[in-house]
């Protein structure tokens, strides 16, 4: 099931790359390699965070806060993107990039890195393909987190 969702996210990359004509050629290869060379959820980072926190209840609370915050940040990113509000896009994407990386959601963090770059440069594409990719990858990450938690519970 996780593989199908990851495949869906990967399938969106060519549309995104094709529809964003305002960037330099290196952007395409950088984005593609960042995305393809990482996992939806780096289980080592995820597990290290769990161990560092020590208490599964506190870890669960942290994940709940992250997921709620991520949903709000994605809403902000989508609104800022569509309304071409560069500074708002950069700030929300930066926040989601950092928190996602800290729990091991590396692909989501990479997508946000590029969204942040769009916001900082003010060159926000008109194509919304990256928003579809963001949403698809977020959904894949949520499932990957649930699968990891079920695995932890089985230990």
Protein backbone atom coordinates (compact mmCIF):
# COMPACT_ATOMS: atom_id res chain seq x y z
CA UNK A 1 0.00 0.00 0.00
CA UNK A 2 2.80 2.44 0.88
CA UNK A 3 4.55 1.58 -2.37
CA UNK A 4 1.46 2.52 -4.40
CA UNK A 5 1.22 5.90 -2.72
CA UNK A 6 4.93 6.52 -3.23
CA UNK A 7 4.54 5.51 -6.87
CA UNK A 8 1.70 8.05 -7.20
CA UNK A 9 3.94 10.81 -5.85
CA UNK A 10 6.77 9.79 -8.15
CA UNK A 11 4.41 9.75 -11.13
CA UNK A 12 3.63 13.45 -10.56
CA UNK A 13 7.25 14.59 -10.95
CA UNK A 14 7.38 14.68 -14.79
CA UNK A 15 4.21 16.81 -14.92
CA UNK A 16 5.64 19.20 -12.37
CA UNK A 17 8.98 19.47 -14.15
CA UNK A 18 7.33 19.84 -17.55
CA UNK A 19 4.88 22.50 -16.40
CA UNK A 20 7.39 24.68 -14.60
CA UNK A 21 9.18 26.47 -17.38
CA UNK A 22 10.50 29.38 -15.31
CA UNK A 23 13.47 27.61 -13.76
CA UNK A 24 16.98 26.82 -14.86
CA UNK A 25 17.86 23.37 -16.26
CA UNK A 26 19.77 22.37 -13.11
CA UNK A 27 16.55 22.73 -11.14
CA UNK A 28 15.03 19.70 -12.86
CA UNK A 29 17.93 17.37 -12.16
CA UNK A 30 18.38 18.66 -8.60
CA UNK A 31 14.71 18.25 -7.77
CA UNK A 32 14.47 14.83 -9.36
CA UNK A 33 17.57 13.47 -7.65
CA UNK A 34 16.60 14.95 -4.27
CA UNK A 35 13.21 13.30 -4.55
CA UNK A 36 14.22 9.96 -6.02
CA UNK A 37 17.21 9.35 -3.79
CA UNK A 38 15.25 9.61 -0.55
CA UNK A 39 12.54 7.68 1.20
CA UNK A 40 9.16 8.97 2.20
CA UNK A 41 10.08 8.21 5.81
CA UNK A 42 13.65 7.64 6.91
CA UNK A 43 12.98 5.02 9.55
CA UNK A 44 16.40 5.54 11.18
CA UNK A 45 15.69 9.22 11.87
CA UNK A 46 12.16 8.36 12.99
CA UNK A 47 13.41 5.63 15.33
CA UNK A 48 16.25 7.81 16.68
CA UNK A 49 13.72 10.50 17.57
CA UNK A 50 11.55 7.92 19.31
CA UNK A 51 14.53 6.67 21.31
CA UNK A 52 15.66 10.21 22.16
CA UNK A 53 12.22 11.06 23.53
CA UNK A 54 12.11 7.81 25.46
CA UNK A 55 8.40 7.66 26.19
CA UNK A 56 6.06 6.34 23.51
CA UNK A 57 3.19 8.49 24.81
CA UNK A 58 5.30 11.65 24.48
CA UNK A 59 6.47 10.49 21.04
CA UNK A 60 2.83 9.96 20.04
CA UNK A 61 1.95 13.46 21.28
CA UNK A 62 4.84 14.91 19.28
CA UNK A 63 3.65 13.14 16.12
CA UNK A 64 0.08 14.36 16.67
CA UNK A 65 1.32 17.94 17.02
CA UNK A 66 3.52 17.54 13.93
CA UNK A 67 0.69 16.12 11.81
CA UNK A 68 -1.75 18.84 12.86
CA UNK A 69 0.84 21.53 12.25
CA UNK A 70 1.78 20.01 8.90
CA UNK A 71 -1.83 20.07 7.71
CA UNK A 72 -2.11 23.75 8.66
CA UNK A 73 1.20 24.57 6.98
CA UNK A 74 0.18 22.74 3.81
CA UNK A 75 -3.03 24.78 3.72
CA UNK A 76 -0.97 27.95 4.13
CA UNK A 77 1.49 26.85 1.44
CA UNK A 78 -1.31 26.08 -1.00
CA UNK A 79 -3.04 29.39 -0.38
CA UNK A 80 0.18 31.39 -0.62
CA UNK A 81 1.20 29.56 -3.78
CA UNK A 82 -2.12 30.08 -5.55
CA UNK A 83 -2.31 33.73 -4.42
CA UNK A 84 1.36 34.34 -5.33
CA UNK A 85 2.26 35.50 -1.79
CA UNK A 86 6.00 34.84 -1.85
CA UNK A 87 6.99 35.68 1.73
CA UNK A 88 4.09 33.69 3.18
CA UNK A 89 5.03 30.74 0.95
CA UNK A 90 8.69 30.90 1.97
CA UNK A 91 7.90 31.03 5.69
CA UNK A 92 5.36 28.18 5.69
CA UNK A 93 7.52 26.00 3.42
CA UNK A 94 10.56 26.64 5.63
CA UNK A 95 8.64 25.60 8.75
CA UNK A 96 7.32 22.42 7.17
CA UNK A 97 10.73 21.64 5.65
CA UNK A 98 12.43 21.76 9.03
CA UNK A 99 9.86 19.89 11.09
CA UNK A 100 9.48 17.21 8.41
CA UNK A 101 13.22 16.61 8.29
CA UNK A 102 13.33 16.28 12.08
CA UNK A 103 10.89 13.35 12.08
CA UNK A 104 12.40 11.71 9.00
CA UNK A 105 9.88 12.83 6.35
CA UNK A 106 12.73 13.58 3.97
CA UNK A 107 10.86 13.69 0.66
CA UNK A 108 8.31 16.09 2.09
CA UNK A 109 11.19 18.20 3.40
CA UNK A 110 12.80 18.27 -0.07
CA UNK A 111 9.57 19.39 -1.72
CA UNK A 112 9.31 22.17 0.84
CA UNK A 113 12.90 23.18 0.14
CA UNK A 114 11.91 23.99 -3.45
CA UNK A 115 8.69 25.69 -2.40
CA UNK A 116 10.73 27.82 0.00
CA UNK A 117 13.09 28.68 -2.85
CA UNK A 118 10.13 29.78 -4.98
CA UNK A 119 8.97 32.02 -2.16
CA UNK A 120 12.38 33.52 -1.47
CA UNK A 121 13.01 34.33 -5.13
CA UNK A 122 9.44 35.47 -5.74
CA UNK A 123 9.34 33.21 -8.81
CA UNK A 124 6.27 31.18 -7.96
CA UNK A 125 5.15 29.01 -10.88
CA UNK A 126 1.60 29.22 -12.16
CA UNK A 127 1.39 25.44 -12.55
CA UNK A 128 0.08 23.77 -9.40
CA UNK A 129 1.72 20.39 -10.07
CA UNK A 130 4.07 20.81 -7.12
CA UNK A 131 1.06 21.28 -4.84
CA UNK A 132 -0.29 17.93 -6.05
CA UNK A 133 3.12 16.43 -5.37
CA UNK A 134 3.17 18.01 -1.89
CA UNK A 135 -0.26 16.62 -1.07
CA UNK A 136 0.53 13.17 -2.44
CA UNK A 137 3.80 12.97 -0.54
CA UNK A 138 2.15 14.17 2.67
CA UNK A 139 -0.43 11.38 2.35
CA UNK A 140 2.35 8.85 1.70
CA UNK A 141 4.21 10.08 4.76
CA UNK A 142 1.14 9.76 7.00
CA UNK A 143 0.71 6.15 5.91
CA UNK A 144 4.43 5.45 6.37
CA UNK A 145 4.24 6.87 9.91
CA UNK A 146 1.24 4.68 10.70
CA UNK A 147 3.04 1.60 9.35
CA UNK A 148 6.13 2.45 11.43
CA UNK A 149 4.05 2.91 14.57
CA UNK A 150 2.32 -0.42 14.02
CA UNK A 151 5.77 -1.97 13.67
CA UNK A 152 6.89 -0.37 16.94
CA UNK A 153 3.80 -1.69 18.70
CA UNK A 154 4.59 -5.20 17.48
CA UNK A 155 8.08 -5.10 19.08
